[in-house]
Amino acid sequence: MPKLPILPNPKDPRLTRKVTGIDHLGLPTEISVVEERPLTIYLNSQEIVTAMTIGDYPEYLAVGFLRNQGMLLTDDVITQIDYEEDIETVVVRTQRRTSYEEKIRKKTRTSGCAVGTVFGDMMEGINGLTLPQTQVRSSWLYALAKQINMTPSLYLEAGAIHGTTLCFQDQPLVYMEDVGRHNAVDKIAGFLFLNQMPSADKILYTTGRLTSEMVIKTAQMGIPVLASRSGFTAWGVEIAQKVGLTLIGRMRGQRYVCLAGNDRLLRDANIDAAADEGAKHRRKGAQDDV
């Protein structure tokens, strides 16, 4: 397993570029903008999808996407992962060979940034699923929000990007970013699968909206707690209640709202001691539900 924690590298020259424009005063200005490039994912010899991504951790993204689409099963053995940077392609090879032609004909365009796609029935894979009833402490949530907001990131460098963090209690373990929040979650899923890390005691923290797609992916990963800076959709809340996912949103400074799994949330923190957010670290979603 890689050494933890895994954090963003906002100075990686592959992930941003400098662009010169004209500001509101009519003066030249240079800013950093995030990259967005295609990555085509194959499962064995079958082309599955082309995802728009910033380009880091392509192997985690490919494996996590296939895992969250139900195309890569828990007992599947990956024999090889080939990443060809020059043609922006990842091929995941497994011992089991199955055709997904029928499945990928049915596509759902989701509310994910950069336009997410789910193949087949969105509910397949979580029907009948019940997540472990893991308790979460509000003191952990406050500590995580403070640490994650202060972590050097591509968001603070260039904006226009979402972050997702895999956490254990009050400790961030793996922090992924991407132009689409679904891509960042898939990278976490790929990390869990390839490193055989248990998920029943983890928390997933995201800057994105708590939509049906986000809730379904979290449930498929076996993570019992999902927390976000942003707001909810009704179907996302309904699915979280159905599978026993603790769902916490609108985490801004001292505030948050729990819309599923409130009985598993222990409010042990001193609210007055919770840190407020400085303007510099106020991320997307701090003022609006986006």
Protein backbone atom coordinates (compact mmCIF):
# COMPACT_ATOMS: atom_id res chain seq x y z
CA MET A 1 0.00 0.00 0.00
CA PRO A 2 1.28 3.51 -0.80
CA LYS A 3 2.42 5.64 2.09
CA LEU A 4 -0.45 7.69 3.54
CA PRO A 5 -1.65 10.37 3.42
CA ILE A 6 -1.87 10.96 -0.32
CA LEU A 7 -2.35 14.68 -0.97
CA PRO A 8 -2.79 16.89 -4.06
CA ASN A 9 0.24 18.38 -5.73
CA PRO A 10 -0.92 21.83 -6.90
CA LYS A 11 2.55 22.58 -8.32
CA ASP A 12 2.52 19.60 -10.70
CA PRO A 13 3.07 21.32 -14.09
CA ARG A 14 0.97 18.68 -15.87
CA LEU A 15 -2.22 19.66 -14.06
CA THR A 16 -2.41 23.41 -14.65
CA ARG A 17 -1.20 25.93 -17.19
CA LYS A 18 -0.66 29.68 -17.15
CA VAL A 19 -3.06 31.71 -19.30
CA THR A 20 -2.88 35.44 -19.92
CA GLY A 21 -6.05 37.51 -20.08
CA ILE A 22 -7.34 41.01 -19.41
CA ASP A 23 -8.82 41.87 -16.01
CA HIS A 24 -11.71 44.18 -15.10
CA LEU A 25 -9.41 47.21 -15.27
CA GLY A 26 -8.31 46.36 -18.78
CA LEU A 27 -4.87 45.26 -17.61
CA PRO A 28 -3.01 42.08 -18.61
CA THR A 29 -3.19 39.36 -15.95
CA GLU A 30 -1.82 35.82 -15.77
CA ILE A 31 -3.68 33.08 -13.92
CA SER A 32 -3.41 29.31 -13.47
CA VAL A 33 -6.19 27.20 -14.97
CA VAL A 34 -6.70 23.47 -14.53
CA GLU A 35 -6.09 21.10 -17.41
CA GLU A 36 -8.93 19.05 -18.89
CA ARG A 37 -8.05 16.16 -21.16
CA PRO A 38 -9.75 12.96 -22.39
CA LEU A 39 -8.92 9.56 -20.93
CA THR A 40 -10.33 6.51 -22.73
CA ILE A 41 -10.96 3.50 -20.49
CA TYR A 42 -10.92 -0.06 -21.80
CA LEU A 43 -11.89 -3.22 -19.92
CA ASN A 44 -9.87 -5.96 -21.60
CA SER A 45 -10.56 -5.42 -25.33
CA GLN A 46 -13.79 -3.45 -24.90
CA GLU A 47 -13.87 0.34 -25.00
CA ILE A 48 -16.09 1.56 -22.17
CA VAL A 49 -15.97 5.35 -21.96
CA THR A 50 -13.91 8.48 -22.50
CA ALA A 51 -13.77 10.62 -19.37
CA MET A 52 -12.71 14.25 -19.17
CA THR A 53 -10.15 14.53 -16.38
CA ILE A 54 -7.20 16.57 -15.16
CA GLY A 55 -4.92 13.63 -15.92
CA ASP A 56 -3.50 12.49 -12.58
CA TYR A 57 -3.92 8.97 -11.15
CA PRO A 58 -5.33 7.49 -14.41
CA GLU A 59 -5.07 3.91 -13.11
CA TYR A 60 -7.09 4.71 -9.98
CA LEU A 61 -9.67 6.57 -12.06
CA ALA A 62 -10.10 3.71 -14.54
CA VAL A 63 -10.38 0.98 -11.92
CA GLY A 64 -12.67 3.06 -9.72
CA PHE A 65 -14.95 3.95 -12.62
CA LEU A 66 -15.27 0.29 -13.64
CA ARG A 67 -15.84 -0.70 -10.02
CA ASN A 68 -18.56 1.90 -9.47
CA GLN A 69 -20.26 0.93 -12.74
CA GLY A 70 -20.50 -2.71 -11.61
CA MET A 71 -18.18 -3.87 -14.40
CA LEU A 72 -15.39 -4.80 -12.00
CA LEU A 73 -16.58 -7.14 -9.26
CA THR A 74 -15.15 -7.64 -5.78
CA ASP A 75 -13.69 -11.04 -6.64
CA ASP A 76 -12.31 -10.01 -10.03
CA VAL A 77 -8.56 -10.41 -10.41
CA ILE A 78 -6.78 -7.63 -12.28
CA THR A 79 -3.87 -9.10 -14.20
CA GLN A 80 -2.50 -5.88 -15.70
CA ILE A 81 -3.18 -2.16 -16.07
CA ASP A 82 -1.66 -0.45 -19.11
CA TYR A 83 -1.59 3.34 -19.25
CA GLU A 84 -0.49 4.89 -22.53
CA GLU A 85 0.03 8.59 -21.85
CA ASP A 86 0.70 9.53 -25.47
CA ILE A 87 -2.71 8.22 -26.62
CA GLU A 88 -4.45 8.97 -23.29
CA THR A 89 -5.73 5.43 -22.78
CA VAL A 90 -5.98 3.02 -19.86
CA VAL A 91 -6.60 -0.69 -20.40
CA VAL A 92 -7.62 -2.74 -17.35
CA ARG A 93 -7.10 -6.46 -17.95
CA THR A 94 -8.82 -9.12 -15.83
CA GLN A 95 -8.97 -12.90 -15.66
CA ARG A 96 -12.74 -12.88 -16.14
CA ARG A 97 -13.89 -11.81 -19.59
CA THR A 98 -17.45 -10.47 -19.94
CA SER A 99 -19.07 -8.38 -22.65
CA TYR A 100 -20.80 -5.20 -21.49
CA GLU A 101 -22.24 -4.22 -24.88
CA GLU A 102 -25.81 -4.49 -23.61
CA LYS A 103 -25.10 -2.60 -20.41
CA ILE A 104 -23.38 0.37 -22.01
CA ARG A 105 -26.24 0.86 -24.49
CA LYS A 106 -28.35 2.21 -21.61
CA LYS A 107 -26.77 5.47 -20.48
CA THR A 108 -27.92 7.93 -17.84
CA ARG A 109 -26.49 11.44 -18.08
CA THR A 110 -26.12 12.41 -14.45
CA SER A 111 -25.86 15.75 -12.69
CA GLY A 112 -22.11 15.26 -12.27
CA CYS A 113 -19.76 18.09 -13.25
CA ALA A 114 -18.12 17.56 -16.64
CA VAL A 115 -21.25 15.46 -17.35
CA GLY A 116 -21.20 12.16 -15.49
CA THR A 117 -22.49 8.95 -17.07
CA VAL A 118 -23.91 5.84 -15.46
CA PHE A 119 -24.38 2.70 -17.54
CA GLY A 120 -27.34 0.39 -17.06
CA ASP A 121 -29.72 0.71 -14.12
CA MET A 122 -28.42 3.29 -11.62
CA MET A 123 -29.80 1.25 -8.72
CA GLU A 124 -28.22 -2.06 -9.69
CA GLY A 125 -25.56 -3.04 -7.21
CA ILE A 126 -27.15 -1.31 -4.22
CA ASN A 127 -30.58 -2.97 -4.22
CA GLY A 128 -30.71 -4.91 -0.97
CA LEU A 129 -27.48 -3.28 0.26
CA THR A 130 -27.27 -2.26 3.92
CA LEU A 131 -24.20 -0.35 5.06
CA PRO A 132 -22.51 -0.93 8.44
CA GLN A 133 -24.03 1.25 11.16
CA THR A 134 -20.82 3.11 11.95
CA GLN A 135 -20.93 5.97 14.44
CA VAL A 136 -19.42 9.32 13.47
CA ARG A 137 -18.47 12.13 15.85
CA SER A 138 -19.10 15.79 15.10
CA SER A 139 -15.63 16.54 16.49
CA TRP A 140 -14.18 14.46 13.65
CA LEU A 141 -16.17 16.41 11.07
CA TYR A 142 -14.97 19.77 12.35
CA ALA A 143 -11.36 18.57 12.48
CA LEU A 144 -11.55 17.14 8.96
CA ALA A 145 -13.11 20.27 7.49
CA LYS A 146 -10.37 22.43 8.98
CA GLN A 147 -7.52 20.19 7.80
CA ILE A 148 -8.91 19.69 4.30
CA ASN A 149 -9.65 23.39 3.80
CA MET A 150 -6.08 24.28 4.78
CA THR A 151 -4.42 21.62 2.62
CA PRO A 152 -2.57 23.02 -0.44
CA SER A 153 -4.70 22.02 -3.41
CA LEU A 154 -5.44 22.62 -7.06
CA TYR A 155 -8.60 24.42 -5.99
CA LEU A 156 -6.61 27.02 -4.07
CA GLU A 157 -4.13 27.23 -6.96
CA ALA A 158 -6.54 27.51 -9.87
CA GLY A 159 -10.16 26.92 -8.81
CA ALA A 160 -12.74 25.23 -11.08
CA ILE A 161 -12.22 21.83 -9.48
CA HIS A 162 -13.76 19.48 -6.90
CA GLY A 163 -12.03 17.60 -4.11
CA THR A 164 -12.90 14.28 -2.44
CA THR A 165 -11.11 12.92 0.62
CA LEU A 166 -11.09 9.45 2.14
CA CYS A 167 -10.85 9.78 5.92
CA PHE A 168 -10.51 7.63 9.03
CA GLN A 169 -12.08 9.32 12.04
CA ASP A 170 -10.45 12.79 12.10
CA GLN A 171 -7.55 11.94 9.77
CA PRO A 172 -7.55 12.56 5.97
CA LEU A 173 -5.95 9.59 4.21
CA VAL A 174 -6.34 10.07 0.45
CA TYR A 175 -7.23 13.39 -1.19
CA MET A 176 -8.19 13.40 -4.88
CA GLU A 177 -9.27 16.31 -7.10
CA ASP A 178 -10.81 16.54 -10.57
CA VAL A 179 -12.98 18.71 -12.78
CA GLY A 180 -15.89 16.37 -12.03
CA ARG A 181 -16.67 15.28 -8.49
CA HIS A 182 -17.61 11.83 -9.83
CA ASN A 183 -14.06 11.44 -11.21
CA ALA A 184 -12.56 12.33 -7.82
CA VAL A 185 -14.80 9.72 -6.16
CA ASP A 186 -13.84 7.10 -8.76
CA LYS A 187 -10.16 7.72 -8.00
CA ILE A 188 -10.88 6.98 -4.32
CA ALA A 189 -12.75 3.81 -5.33
CA GLY A 190 -9.80 2.69 -7.45
CA PHE A 191 -7.40 3.32 -4.58
CA LEU A 192 -9.54 1.24 -2.21
CA PHE A 193 -9.87 -1.64 -4.67
CA LEU A 194 -6.24 -1.82 -5.79
CA ASN A 195 -4.90 -1.55 -2.23
CA GLN A 196 -7.55 -3.81 -0.68
CA MET A 197 -8.26 -1.21 2.00
CA PRO A 198 -11.30 -1.80 4.23
CA SER A 199 -14.03 0.82 3.86
CA ALA A 200 -16.51 0.04 6.64
CA ASP A 201 -14.80 2.43 9.09
CA LYS A 202 -14.17 5.30 6.65
CA ILE A 203 -15.71 8.72 5.97
CA LEU A 204 -15.93 10.24 2.48
CA TYR A 205 -15.71 14.04 2.40
CA THR A 206 -16.49 15.95 -0.78
CA THR A 207 -16.88 19.53 -1.96
CA GLY A 208 -19.64 18.53 -4.40
CA ARG A 209 -23.40 18.17 -4.26
CA LEU A 210 -24.87 15.11 -2.57
CA THR A 211 -26.72 13.79 -5.61
CA SER A 212 -28.06 10.30 -6.31
CA GLU A 213 -24.87 9.42 -8.20
CA MET A 214 -22.61 10.48 -5.32
CA VAL A 215 -24.68 8.56 -2.78
CA ILE A 216 -24.82 5.43 -4.96
CA LYS A 217 -21.07 5.42 -5.55
CA THR A 218 -20.35 5.89 -1.83
CA ALA A 219 -22.69 3.02 -0.98
CA GLN A 220 -21.12 0.77 -3.62
CA MET A 221 -17.72 1.47 -2.07
CA GLY A 222 -19.06 0.31 1.31
CA ILE A 223 -18.34 3.66 2.99
CA PRO A 224 -20.99 4.38 5.66
CA VAL A 225 -20.57 8.17 6.04
CA LEU A 226 -20.70 10.84 3.31
CA ALA A 227 -20.14 14.50 4.20
CA SER A 228 -20.09 17.56 1.97
CA ARG A 229 -19.71 21.32 1.93
CA SER A 230 -22.62 21.52 -0.49
CA GLY A 231 -26.32 20.66 -0.49
CA PHE A 232 -28.53 17.70 -1.27
CA THR A 233 -30.92 16.37 -3.88
CA ALA A 234 -34.12 14.64 -2.79
CA TRP A 235 -33.25 11.36 -4.49
CA GLY A 236 -29.79 11.40 -2.95
CA VAL A 237 -31.35 11.72 0.51
CA GLU A 238 -33.90 8.98 -0.25
CA ILE A 239 -31.22 6.51 -1.35
CA ALA A 240 -29.04 7.33 1.67
CA GLN A 241 -31.95 6.60 4.01
CA LYS A 242 -32.70 3.35 2.16
CA VAL A 243 -29.18 1.90 2.41
CA GLY A 244 -28.32 3.25 5.89
CA LEU A 245 -25.79 5.88 4.79
CA THR A 246 -25.11 8.75 7.18
CA LEU A 247 -25.50 11.84 4.99
CA ILE A 248 -24.22 15.22 6.19
CA GLY A 249 -24.19 18.36 4.06
CA ARG A 250 -23.84 22.15 4.09
CA MET A 251 -20.75 21.88 6.29
CA ARG A 252 -19.64 25.51 6.58
CA GLY A 253 -17.72 26.67 9.60
CA GLN A 254 -19.77 25.69 12.65
CA ARG A 255 -22.83 24.59 10.68
CA TYR A 256 -23.96 21.35 9.06
CA VAL A 257 -27.21 19.47 8.38
CA CYS A 258 -27.72 15.70 8.73
CA LEU A 259 -30.54 14.35 6.52
CA ALA A 260 -29.91 10.61 6.96
CA GLY A 261 -28.44 8.55 9.80
CA ASN A 262 -28.85 11.18 12.50
CA ASP A 263 -29.01 8.40 15.15
CA ARG A 264 -25.43 7.47 14.23
CA LEU A 265 -24.09 11.02 14.64
CA LEU A 266 -22.63 11.77 18.07
CA ARG A 267 -22.59 15.51 18.68
CA ASP A 268 -19.57 15.62 20.97
CA ALA A 269 -17.91 18.83 19.71
CA ASN A 270 -17.85 22.20 21.39
CA ILE A 271 -19.51 24.26 18.64
CA ASP A 272 -18.06 27.51 19.95
CA ALA A 273 -14.56 26.07 19.56
CA ALA A 274 -15.12 25.05 15.93
CA ALA A 275 -12.98 27.07 13.53
CA ASP A 276 -14.62 29.49 11.14
CA GLU A 277 -13.40 29.63 7.54
CA GLY A 278 -11.12 32.34 6.32
CA ALA A 279 -12.07 33.86 2.97
CA LYS A 280 -8.91 32.46 1.35
CA HIS A 281 -9.92 28.89 2.14
CA ARG A 282 -13.65 29.26 1.48
CA ARG A 283 -14.23 26.66 -1.17
CA LYS A 284 -16.92 26.23 -3.75
CA GLY A 285 -20.12 25.49 -1.89
CA ALA A 286 -19.27 27.67 1.10
CA GLN A 287 -21.95 30.17 0.14
CA ASP A 288 -24.08 28.43 -2.46
CA ASP A 289 -25.37 24.90 -2.92
CA VAL A 290 -23.53 23.97 -6.10
